[in-house]
Full PDB file with SEQRES, HELIX, SHEET, SSBOND, CRYST1, ORIGX, SCALE, CONECT and MASTER records, all heavy atoms in Angstrom:
SEQRES   1 A   38  MET ILE ALA LYS LEU THR SER ALA CYS TRP ASP LYS CYS          
SEQRES   2 A   38  ILE THR GLY THR PRO GLY SER LYS PHE SER SER GLY GLU          
SEQRES   3 A   38  SER SER CYS LEU SER HIS CYS ALA HIS ARG TYR MET              
HELIX    1 AA1 ILE A    2  CYS A   13  1                                  12    
HELIX    2 AA2 SER A   24  TYR A   37  1                                  14    
SSBOND   1 CYS A    9    CYS A   33                          1555   1555  2.05  
SSBOND   2 CYS A   13    CYS A   29                          1555   1555  2.06  
CRYST1    1.000    1.000    1.000  90.00  90.00  90.00 P 1           1          
ORIGX1      1.000000  0.000000  0.000000        0.00000                         
ORIGX2      0.000000  1.000000  0.000000        0.00000                         
ORIGX3      0.000000  0.000000  1.000000        0.00000                         
SCALE1      1.000000  0.000000  0.000000        0.00000                         
SCALE2      0.000000  1.000000  0.000000        0.00000                         
SCALE3      0.000000  0.000000  1.000000        0.00000                         
ATOM      1  N   MET A   1     -11.362  -9.395   4.642  1.00  0.00           N  
ATOM      2  CA  MET A   1     -10.237  -9.611   3.783  1.00  0.00           C  
ATOM      3  C   MET A   1      -9.755  -8.255   3.298  1.00  0.00           C  
ATOM      4  O   MET A   1      -8.550  -7.921   3.223  1.00  0.00           O  
ATOM      5  CB  MET A   1     -10.604 -10.349   2.527  1.00  0.00           C  
ATOM      6  CG  MET A   1      -9.331 -10.726   1.694  1.00  0.00           C  
ATOM      7  SD  MET A   1      -9.720 -11.855   0.329  1.00  0.00           S  
ATOM      8  CE  MET A   1     -10.397 -10.862  -0.946  1.00  0.00           C  
ATOM      9  N   ILE A   2     -10.586  -7.262   2.912  1.00  0.00           N  
ATOM     10  CA  ILE A   2     -10.181  -5.919   2.485  1.00  0.00           C  
ATOM     11  C   ILE A   2      -9.508  -5.192   3.561  1.00  0.00           C  
ATOM     12  O   ILE A   2      -8.461  -4.550   3.386  1.00  0.00           O  
ATOM     13  CB  ILE A   2     -11.454  -5.169   1.847  1.00  0.00           C  
ATOM     14  CG1 ILE A   2     -11.831  -5.765   0.539  1.00  0.00           C  
ATOM     15  CG2 ILE A   2     -11.189  -3.657   1.805  1.00  0.00           C  
ATOM     16  CD1 ILE A   2     -13.154  -5.316   0.057  1.00  0.00           C  
ATOM     17  N   ALA A   3     -10.053  -5.378   4.825  1.00  0.00           N  
ATOM     18  CA  ALA A   3      -9.409  -4.665   5.898  1.00  0.00           C  
ATOM     19  C   ALA A   3      -8.008  -5.260   6.198  1.00  0.00           C  
ATOM     20  O   ALA A   3      -7.090  -4.402   6.501  1.00  0.00           O  
ATOM     21  CB  ALA A   3     -10.211  -4.837   7.265  1.00  0.00           C  
ATOM     22  N   LYS A   4      -7.792  -6.483   6.092  1.00  0.00           N  
ATOM     23  CA  LYS A   4      -6.414  -7.134   6.294  1.00  0.00           C  
ATOM     24  C   LYS A   4      -5.617  -6.673   5.247  1.00  0.00           C  
ATOM     25  O   LYS A   4      -4.395  -6.360   5.393  1.00  0.00           O  
ATOM     26  CB  LYS A   4      -6.648  -8.597   6.370  1.00  0.00           C  
ATOM     27  CG  LYS A   4      -7.177  -9.153   7.598  1.00  0.00           C  
ATOM     28  CD  LYS A   4      -7.291 -10.683   7.565  1.00  0.00           C  
ATOM     29  CE  LYS A   4      -7.927 -11.167   8.845  1.00  0.00           C  
ATOM     30  NZ  LYS A   4      -8.018 -12.625   8.856  1.00  0.00           N  
ATOM     31  N   LEU A   5      -6.056  -6.754   3.889  1.00  0.00           N  
ATOM     32  CA  LEU A   5      -5.212  -6.247   2.807  1.00  0.00           C  
ATOM     33  C   LEU A   5      -4.760  -4.817   3.003  1.00  0.00           C  
ATOM     34  O   LEU A   5      -3.642  -4.518   2.775  1.00  0.00           O  
ATOM     35  CB  LEU A   5      -6.037  -6.370   1.527  1.00  0.00           C  
ATOM     36  CG  LEU A   5      -5.445  -6.033   0.284  1.00  0.00           C  
ATOM     37  CD1 LEU A   5      -5.839  -6.820  -0.937  1.00  0.00           C  
ATOM     38  CD2 LEU A   5      -5.485  -4.569  -0.145  1.00  0.00           C  
ATOM     39  N   THR A   6      -5.646  -3.966   3.408  1.00  0.00           N  
ATOM     40  CA  THR A   6      -5.289  -2.564   3.505  1.00  0.00           C  
ATOM     41  C   THR A   6      -4.292  -2.451   4.623  1.00  0.00           C  
ATOM     42  O   THR A   6      -3.281  -1.577   4.449  1.00  0.00           O  
ATOM     43  CB  THR A   6      -6.650  -1.767   3.882  1.00  0.00           C  
ATOM     44  OG1 THR A   6      -7.649  -1.957   2.887  1.00  0.00           O  
ATOM     45  CG2 THR A   6      -6.320  -0.309   4.097  1.00  0.00           C  
ATOM     46  N   SER A   7      -4.524  -3.055   5.692  1.00  0.00           N  
ATOM     47  CA  SER A   7      -3.552  -2.901   6.824  1.00  0.00           C  
ATOM     48  C   SER A   7      -2.148  -3.377   6.437  1.00  0.00           C  
ATOM     49  O   SER A   7      -1.056  -2.723   6.614  1.00  0.00           O  
ATOM     50  CB  SER A   7      -4.068  -3.652   8.080  1.00  0.00           C  
ATOM     51  OG  SER A   7      -3.119  -3.550   9.153  1.00  0.00           O  
ATOM     52  N   ALA A   8      -2.125  -4.606   5.907  1.00  0.00           N  
ATOM     53  CA  ALA A   8      -0.870  -5.252   5.494  1.00  0.00           C  
ATOM     54  C   ALA A   8      -0.140  -4.368   4.452  1.00  0.00           C  
ATOM     55  O   ALA A   8       1.091  -4.234   4.587  1.00  0.00           O  
ATOM     56  CB  ALA A   8      -1.057  -6.646   4.994  1.00  0.00           C  
ATOM     57  N   CYS A   9      -0.784  -3.998   3.458  1.00  0.00           N  
ATOM     58  CA  CYS A   9      -0.157  -3.268   2.326  1.00  0.00           C  
ATOM     59  C   CYS A   9       0.305  -1.909   2.826  1.00  0.00           C  
ATOM     60  O   CYS A   9       1.269  -1.309   2.443  1.00  0.00           O  
ATOM     61  CB  CYS A   9      -0.992  -3.290   1.153  1.00  0.00           C  
ATOM     62  SG  CYS A   9      -1.225  -4.929   0.293  1.00  0.00           S  
ATOM     63  N   TRP A  10      -0.555  -1.240   3.605  1.00  0.00           N  
ATOM     64  CA  TRP A  10      -0.210   0.100   4.142  1.00  0.00           C  
ATOM     65  C   TRP A  10       1.111   0.038   4.979  1.00  0.00           C  
ATOM     66  O   TRP A  10       2.027   0.769   4.719  1.00  0.00           O  
ATOM     67  CB  TRP A  10      -1.440   0.579   5.021  1.00  0.00           C  
ATOM     68  CG  TRP A  10      -1.179   1.978   5.476  1.00  0.00           C  
ATOM     69  CD1 TRP A  10      -0.542   2.360   6.570  1.00  0.00           C  
ATOM     70  CD2 TRP A  10      -1.528   3.218   4.755  1.00  0.00           C  
ATOM     71  NE1 TRP A  10      -0.418   3.806   6.746  1.00  0.00           N  
ATOM     72  CE2 TRP A  10      -1.079   4.284   5.633  1.00  0.00           C  
ATOM     73  CE3 TRP A  10      -2.156   3.529   3.578  1.00  0.00           C  
ATOM     74  CZ2 TRP A  10      -1.269   5.559   5.217  1.00  0.00           C  
ATOM     75  CZ3 TRP A  10      -2.412   4.839   3.251  1.00  0.00           C  
ATOM     76  CH2 TRP A  10      -1.909   5.877   4.059  1.00  0.00           C  
ATOM     77  N   ASP A  11       1.122  -0.999   5.906  1.00  0.00           N  
ATOM     78  CA  ASP A  11       2.274  -1.106   6.754  1.00  0.00           C  
ATOM     79  C   ASP A  11       3.487  -1.363   5.930  1.00  0.00           C  
ATOM     80  O   ASP A  11       4.612  -0.869   6.317  1.00  0.00           O  
ATOM     81  CB  ASP A  11       2.055  -2.199   7.691  1.00  0.00           C  
ATOM     82  CG  ASP A  11       1.038  -1.863   8.826  1.00  0.00           C  
ATOM     83  OD1 ASP A  11       0.666  -0.561   8.837  1.00  0.00           O  
ATOM     84  OD2 ASP A  11       0.628  -2.782   9.442  1.00  0.00           O  
ATOM     85  N   LYS A  12       3.322  -2.123   4.729  1.00  0.00           N  
ATOM     86  CA  LYS A  12       4.478  -2.492   4.006  1.00  0.00           C  
ATOM     87  C   LYS A  12       4.988  -1.421   3.127  1.00  0.00           C  
ATOM     88  O   LYS A  12       6.199  -1.290   2.893  1.00  0.00           O  
ATOM     89  CB  LYS A  12       4.176  -3.669   3.188  1.00  0.00           C  
ATOM     90  CG  LYS A  12       5.330  -4.263   2.215  1.00  0.00           C  
ATOM     91  CD  LYS A  12       4.796  -5.453   1.484  1.00  0.00           C  
ATOM     92  CE  LYS A  12       5.792  -6.063   0.675  1.00  0.00           C  
ATOM     93  NZ  LYS A  12       6.810  -5.277  -0.050  1.00  0.00           N  
ATOM     94  N   CYS A  13       4.079  -0.599   2.541  1.00  0.00           N  
ATOM     95  CA  CYS A  13       4.380   0.349   1.417  1.00  0.00           C  
ATOM     96  C   CYS A  13       4.549   1.826   1.818  1.00  0.00           C  
ATOM     97  O   CYS A  13       5.192   2.590   1.228  1.00  0.00           O  
ATOM     98  CB  CYS A  13       3.334   0.193   0.312  1.00  0.00           C  
ATOM     99  SG  CYS A  13       3.290  -1.460  -0.398  1.00  0.00           S  
ATOM    100  N   ILE A  14       3.841   2.153   2.926  1.00  0.00           N  
ATOM    101  CA  ILE A  14       3.833   3.597   3.291  1.00  0.00           C  
ATOM    102  C   ILE A  14       4.746   3.733   4.474  1.00  0.00           C  
ATOM    103  O   ILE A  14       4.461   3.442   5.563  1.00  0.00           O  
ATOM    104  CB  ILE A  14       2.362   4.119   3.619  1.00  0.00           C  
ATOM    105  CG1 ILE A  14       1.329   3.727   2.523  1.00  0.00           C  
ATOM    106  CG2 ILE A  14       2.355   5.580   4.026  1.00  0.00           C  
ATOM    107  CD1 ILE A  14       1.730   4.274   1.176  1.00  0.00           C  
ATOM    108  N   THR A  15       5.916   4.301   4.127  1.00  0.00           N  
ATOM    109  CA  THR A  15       7.020   4.347   5.212  1.00  0.00           C  
ATOM    110  C   THR A  15       6.973   5.696   5.885  1.00  0.00           C  
ATOM    111  O   THR A  15       7.478   5.667   7.123  1.00  0.00           O  
ATOM    112  CB  THR A  15       8.322   4.062   4.587  1.00  0.00           C  
ATOM    113  OG1 THR A  15       8.547   5.069   3.534  1.00  0.00           O  
ATOM    114  CG2 THR A  15       8.425   2.639   3.924  1.00  0.00           C  
ATOM    115  N   GLY A  16       6.441   6.661   5.386  1.00  0.00           N  
ATOM    116  CA  GLY A  16       6.517   8.043   6.077  1.00  0.00           C  
ATOM    117  C   GLY A  16       4.997   8.496   6.218  1.00  0.00           C  
ATOM    118  O   GLY A  16       4.098   7.793   6.048  1.00  0.00           O  
ATOM    119  N   THR A  17       4.958   9.694   6.549  1.00  0.00           N  
ATOM    120  CA  THR A  17       3.609  10.317   6.545  1.00  0.00           C  
ATOM    121  C   THR A  17       3.089  10.688   5.182  1.00  0.00           C  
ATOM    122  O   THR A  17       3.828  11.371   4.518  1.00  0.00           O  
ATOM    123  CB  THR A  17       3.783  11.716   7.433  1.00  0.00           C  
ATOM    124  OG1 THR A  17       4.232  11.366   8.695  1.00  0.00           O  
ATOM    125  CG2 THR A  17       2.458  12.347   7.615  1.00  0.00           C  
ATOM    126  N   PRO A  18       1.973  10.203   4.823  1.00  0.00           N  
ATOM    127  CA  PRO A  18       1.519  10.361   3.443  1.00  0.00           C  
ATOM    128  C   PRO A  18       1.072  11.825   3.170  1.00  0.00           C  
ATOM    129  O   PRO A  18       0.645  12.497   4.163  1.00  0.00           O  
ATOM    130  CB  PRO A  18       0.389   9.427   3.307  1.00  0.00           C  
ATOM    131  CG  PRO A  18      -0.112   9.183   4.588  1.00  0.00           C  
ATOM    132  CD  PRO A  18       1.128   9.396   5.658  1.00  0.00           C  
ATOM    133  N   GLY A  19       1.381  12.279   1.986  1.00  0.00           N  
ATOM    134  CA  GLY A  19       0.876  13.572   1.643  1.00  0.00           C  
ATOM    135  C   GLY A  19      -0.375  13.573   1.048  1.00  0.00           C  
ATOM    136  O   GLY A  19      -1.189  12.642   1.247  1.00  0.00           O  
ATOM    137  N   SER A  20      -0.630  14.567   0.150  1.00  0.00           N  
ATOM    138  CA  SER A  20      -1.957  14.548  -0.549  1.00  0.00           C  
ATOM    139  C   SER A  20      -2.047  13.531  -1.711  1.00  0.00           C  
ATOM    140  O   SER A  20      -3.162  13.120  -2.051  1.00  0.00           O  
ATOM    141  CB  SER A  20      -2.305  15.916  -1.256  1.00  0.00           C  
ATOM    142  OG  SER A  20      -1.300  16.315  -2.069  1.00  0.00           O  
ATOM    143  N   LYS A  21      -0.854  12.996  -1.998  1.00  0.00           N  
ATOM    144  CA  LYS A  21      -0.860  11.891  -3.094  1.00  0.00           C  
ATOM    145  C   LYS A  21       0.249  10.998  -2.706  1.00  0.00           C  
ATOM    146  O   LYS A  21       1.233  11.303  -1.990  1.00  0.00           O  
ATOM    147  CB  LYS A  21      -0.435  12.499  -4.521  1.00  0.00           C  
ATOM    148  CG  LYS A  21      -1.540  13.369  -5.097  1.00  0.00           C  
ATOM    149  CD  LYS A  21      -1.120  13.832  -6.454  1.00  0.00           C  
ATOM    150  CE  LYS A  21      -2.158  14.738  -7.061  1.00  0.00           C  
ATOM    151  NZ  LYS A  21      -1.792  15.082  -8.473  1.00  0.00           N  
ATOM    152  N   PHE A  22       0.112   9.757  -3.145  1.00  0.00           N  
ATOM    153  CA  PHE A  22       1.119   8.731  -2.950  1.00  0.00           C  
ATOM    154  C   PHE A  22       2.205   8.964  -4.065  1.00  0.00           C  
ATOM    155  O   PHE A  22       1.992   9.428  -5.060  1.00  0.00           O  
ATOM    156  CB  PHE A  22       0.660   7.325  -3.205  1.00  0.00           C  
ATOM    157  CG  PHE A  22      -0.417   6.824  -2.190  1.00  0.00           C  
ATOM    158  CD1 PHE A  22      -1.625   6.391  -2.509  1.00  0.00           C  
ATOM    159  CD2 PHE A  22      -0.070   6.921  -0.773  1.00  0.00           C  
ATOM    160  CE1 PHE A  22      -2.503   5.845  -1.505  1.00  0.00           C  
ATOM    161  CE2 PHE A  22      -1.031   6.560   0.160  1.00  0.00           C  
ATOM    162  CZ  PHE A  22      -2.180   5.985  -0.156  1.00  0.00           C  
ATOM    163  N   SER A  23       3.474   8.702  -3.581  1.00  0.00           N  
ATOM    164  CA  SER A  23       4.535   8.701  -4.589  1.00  0.00           C  
ATOM    165  C   SER A  23       4.392   7.616  -5.490  1.00  0.00           C  
ATOM    166  O   SER A  23       3.745   6.627  -5.362  1.00  0.00           O  
ATOM    167  CB  SER A  23       5.982   8.570  -3.808  1.00  0.00           C  
ATOM    168  OG  SER A  23       6.127   7.269  -3.344  1.00  0.00           O  
ATOM    169  N   SER A  24       5.207   7.624  -6.671  1.00  0.00           N  
ATOM    170  CA  SER A  24       5.049   6.544  -7.656  1.00  0.00           C  
ATOM    171  C   SER A  24       5.466   5.218  -7.060  1.00  0.00           C  
ATOM    172  O   SER A  24       4.884   4.141  -7.392  1.00  0.00           O  
ATOM    173  CB  SER A  24       5.821   6.798  -8.838  1.00  0.00           C  
ATOM    174  OG  SER A  24       7.114   6.975  -8.663  1.00  0.00           O  
ATOM    175  N   GLY A  25       6.484   5.241  -6.174  1.00  0.00           N  
ATOM    176  CA  GLY A  25       6.940   4.020  -5.557  1.00  0.00           C  
ATOM    177  C   GLY A  25       5.933   3.426  -4.632  1.00  0.00           C  
ATOM    178  O   GLY A  25       5.740   2.283  -4.552  1.00  0.00           O  
ATOM    179  N   GLU A  26       5.222   4.330  -3.890  1.00  0.00           N  
ATOM    180  CA  GLU A  26       4.254   3.867  -2.909  1.00  0.00           C  
ATOM    181  C   GLU A  26       3.015   3.230  -3.739  1.00  0.00           C  
ATOM    182  O   GLU A  26       2.506   2.278  -3.355  1.00  0.00           O  
ATOM    183  CB  GLU A  26       3.772   4.963  -2.030  1.00  0.00           C  
ATOM    184  CG  GLU A  26       4.769   5.414  -1.073  1.00  0.00           C  
ATOM    185  CD  GLU A  26       4.417   6.711  -0.303  1.00  0.00           C  
ATOM    186  OE1 GLU A  26       3.677   7.583  -0.998  1.00  0.00           O  
ATOM    187  OE2 GLU A  26       4.803   6.931   0.803  1.00  0.00           O  
ATOM    188  N   SER A  27       2.606   3.948  -4.782  1.00  0.00           N  
ATOM    189  CA  SER A  27       1.520   3.487  -5.609  1.00  0.00           C  
ATOM    190  C   SER A  27       1.832   2.085  -6.203  1.00  0.00           C  
ATOM    191  O   SER A  27       0.976   1.186  -6.145  1.00  0.00           O  
ATOM    192  CB  SER A  27       1.231   4.435  -6.683  1.00  0.00           C  
ATOM    193  OG  SER A  27       0.714   5.652  -6.141  1.00  0.00           O  
ATOM    194  N   SER A  28       3.035   1.965  -6.701  1.00  0.00           N  
ATOM    195  CA  SER A  28       3.434   0.731  -7.293  1.00  0.00           C  
ATOM    196  C   SER A  28       3.411  -0.379  -6.252  1.00  0.00           C  
ATOM    197  O   SER A  28       2.959  -1.531  -6.511  1.00  0.00           O  
ATOM    198  CB  SER A  28       4.829   0.808  -7.917  1.00  0.00           C  
ATOM    199  OG  SER A  28       5.257  -0.359  -8.496  1.00  0.00           O  
ATOM    200  N   CYS A  29       4.036  -0.088  -5.063  1.00  0.00           N  
ATOM    201  CA  CYS A  29       4.101  -1.055  -4.101  1.00  0.00           C  
ATOM    202  C   CYS A  29       2.693  -1.547  -3.537  1.00  0.00           C  
ATOM    203  O   CYS A  29       2.454  -2.644  -3.413  1.00  0.00           O  
ATOM    204  CB  CYS A  29       4.844  -0.487  -2.772  1.00  0.00           C  
ATOM    205  SG  CYS A  29       5.084  -1.596  -1.403  1.00  0.00           S  
ATOM    206  N   LEU A  30       1.764  -0.468  -3.333  1.00  0.00           N  
ATOM    207  CA  LEU A  30       0.404  -0.904  -3.029  1.00  0.00           C  
ATOM    208  C   LEU A  30      -0.276  -1.660  -3.983  1.00  0.00           C  
ATOM    209  O   LEU A  30      -0.920  -2.717  -3.617  1.00  0.00           O  
ATOM    210  CB  LEU A  30      -0.352   0.462  -2.682  1.00  0.00           C  
ATOM    211  CG  LEU A  30      -0.047   1.253  -1.472  1.00  0.00           C  
ATOM    212  CD1 LEU A  30      -0.686   2.569  -1.573  1.00  0.00           C  
ATOM    213  CD2 LEU A  30      -0.474   0.498  -0.246  1.00  0.00           C  
ATOM    214  N   SER A  31      -0.076  -1.427  -5.296  1.00  0.00           N  
ATOM    215  CA  SER A  31      -0.677  -2.210  -6.356  1.00  0.00           C  
ATOM    216  C   SER A  31      -0.197  -3.624  -6.307  1.00  0.00           C  
ATOM    217  O   SER A  31      -0.969  -4.550  -6.457  1.00  0.00           O  
ATOM    218  CB  SER A  31      -0.381  -1.580  -7.682  1.00  0.00           C  
ATOM    219  OG  SER A  31      -1.005  -2.286  -8.751  1.00  0.00           O  
ATOM    220  N   HIS A  32       1.081  -3.757  -6.242  1.00  0.00           N  
ATOM    221  CA  HIS A  32       1.710  -5.156  -6.279  1.00  0.00           C  
ATOM    222  C   HIS A  32       1.314  -5.920  -5.041  1.00  0.00           C  
ATOM    223  O   HIS A  32       1.009  -7.136  -5.066  1.00  0.00           O  
ATOM    224  CB  HIS A  32       3.169  -5.051  -6.409  1.00  0.00           C  
ATOM    225  CG  HIS A  32       3.717  -4.693  -7.773  1.00  0.00           C  
ATOM    226  ND1 HIS A  32       4.133  -3.370  -8.069  1.00  0.00           N  
ATOM    227  CD2 HIS A  32       3.741  -5.386  -8.962  1.00  0.00           C  
ATOM    228  CE1 HIS A  32       4.483  -3.253  -9.334  1.00  0.00           C  
ATOM    229  NE2 HIS A  32       4.233  -4.412  -9.907  1.00  0.00           N  
ATOM    230  N   CYS A  33       1.307  -5.226  -3.899  1.00  0.00           N  
ATOM    231  CA  CYS A  33       0.885  -5.871  -2.730  1.00  0.00           C  
ATOM    232  C   CYS A  33      -0.420  -6.406  -2.694  1.00  0.00           C  
ATOM    233  O   CYS A  33      -0.795  -7.571  -2.295  1.00  0.00           O  
ATOM    234  CB  CYS A  33       1.124  -4.840  -1.386  1.00  0.00           C  
ATOM    235  SG  CYS A  33       0.708  -5.580   0.122  1.00  0.00           S  
ATOM    236  N   ALA A  34      -1.380  -5.588  -3.116  1.00  0.00           N  
ATOM    237  CA  ALA A  34      -2.794  -5.981  -3.305  1.00  0.00           C  
ATOM    238  C   ALA A  34      -2.943  -7.177  -4.246  1.00  0.00           C  
ATOM    239  O   ALA A  34      -3.706  -8.094  -3.892  1.00  0.00           O  
ATOM    240  CB  ALA A  34      -3.631  -4.773  -3.811  1.00  0.00           C  
ATOM    241  N   HIS A  35      -2.297  -7.100  -5.377  1.00  0.00           N  
ATOM    242  CA  HIS A  35      -2.373  -8.239  -6.339  1.00  0.00           C  
ATOM    243  C   HIS A  35      -1.880  -9.500  -5.676  1.00  0.00           C  
ATOM    244  O   HIS A  35      -2.434 -10.551  -5.835  1.00  0.00           O  
ATOM    245  CB  HIS A  35      -1.610  -7.938  -7.622  1.00  0.00           C  
ATOM    246  CG  HIS A  35      -2.347  -6.998  -8.504  1.00  0.00           C  
ATOM    247  ND1 HIS A  35      -2.154  -5.649  -8.604  1.00  0.00           N  
ATOM    248  CD2 HIS A  35      -3.482  -7.215  -9.387  1.00  0.00           C  
ATOM    249  CE1 HIS A  35      -2.962  -5.112  -9.521  1.00  0.00           C  
ATOM    250  NE2 HIS A  35      -3.696  -6.126  -9.982  1.00  0.00           N  
ATOM    251  N   ARG A  36      -0.607  -9.390  -4.976  1.00  0.00           N  
ATOM    252  CA  ARG A  36      -0.116 -10.636  -4.406  1.00  0.00           C  
ATOM    253  C   ARG A  36      -1.019 -11.177  -3.276  1.00  0.00           C  
ATOM    254  O   ARG A  36      -1.285 -12.436  -3.151  1.00  0.00           O  
ATOM    255  CB  ARG A  36       1.223 -10.318  -3.732  1.00  0.00           C  
ATOM    256  CG  ARG A  36       2.311 -10.265  -4.805  1.00  0.00           C  
ATOM    257  CD  ARG A  36       3.749 -10.273  -4.153  1.00  0.00           C  
ATOM    258  NE  ARG A  36       3.803  -9.346  -3.171  1.00  0.00           N  
ATOM    259  CZ  ARG A  36       4.306  -7.992  -3.330  1.00  0.00           C  
ATOM    260  NH1 ARG A  36       4.649  -7.676  -4.573  1.00  0.00           N  
ATOM    261  NH2 ARG A  36       4.432  -7.187  -2.402  1.00  0.00           N  
ATOM    262  N   TYR A  37      -1.620 -10.230  -2.544  1.00  0.00           N  
ATOM    263  CA  TYR A  37      -2.625 -10.631  -1.473  1.00  0.00           C  
ATOM    264  C   TYR A  37      -3.881 -11.354  -2.024  1.00  0.00           C  
ATOM    265  O   TYR A  37      -4.214 -12.392  -1.557  1.00  0.00           O  
ATOM    266  CB  TYR A  37      -2.980  -9.353  -0.750  1.00  0.00           C  
ATOM    267  CG  TYR A  37      -3.689  -9.718   0.658  1.00  0.00           C  
ATOM    268  CD1 TYR A  37      -3.058  -9.858   1.881  1.00  0.00           C  
ATOM    269  CD2 TYR A  37      -5.163  -9.937   0.660  1.00  0.00           C  
ATOM    270  CE1 TYR A  37      -3.647 -10.061   3.064  1.00  0.00           C  
ATOM    271  CE2 TYR A  37      -5.828 -10.235   1.790  1.00  0.00           C  
ATOM    272  CZ  TYR A  37      -5.085 -10.322   2.975  1.00  0.00           C  
ATOM    273  OH  TYR A  37      -5.728 -10.484   4.163  1.00  0.00           O  
ATOM    274  N   MET A  38      -4.342 -10.840  -3.094  1.00  0.00           N  
ATOM    275  CA  MET A  38      -5.527 -11.366  -3.718  1.00  0.00           C  
ATOM    276  C   MET A  38      -5.219 -12.780  -4.306  1.00  0.00           C  
ATOM    277  O   MET A  38      -5.964 -13.775  -4.150  1.00  0.00           O  
ATOM    278  CB  MET A  38      -6.085 -10.506  -4.789  1.00  0.00           C  
ATOM    279  CG  MET A  38      -6.702  -9.146  -4.168  1.00  0.00           C  
ATOM    280  SD  MET A  38      -8.016  -9.358  -2.933  1.00  0.00           S  
ATOM    281  CE  MET A  38      -9.272 -10.014  -4.066  1.00  0.00           C  
TER     282      MET A  38                                                      
CONECT   62  235                                                                
CONECT   99  205                                                                
CONECT  205   99                                                                
CONECT  235   62                                                                
MASTER        0    0    0    2    0    0    0    6  281    1    4    3          
END                                                                             
């Protein structure tokens, strides 16, 4: 389940090449995506 969540949310939220930190939009998207998935 964690592997599927990671893959699905990464594909949805990370649109470019990630830097050393996620942008606030990416962080928010990942958090919301994970909560919805769970």
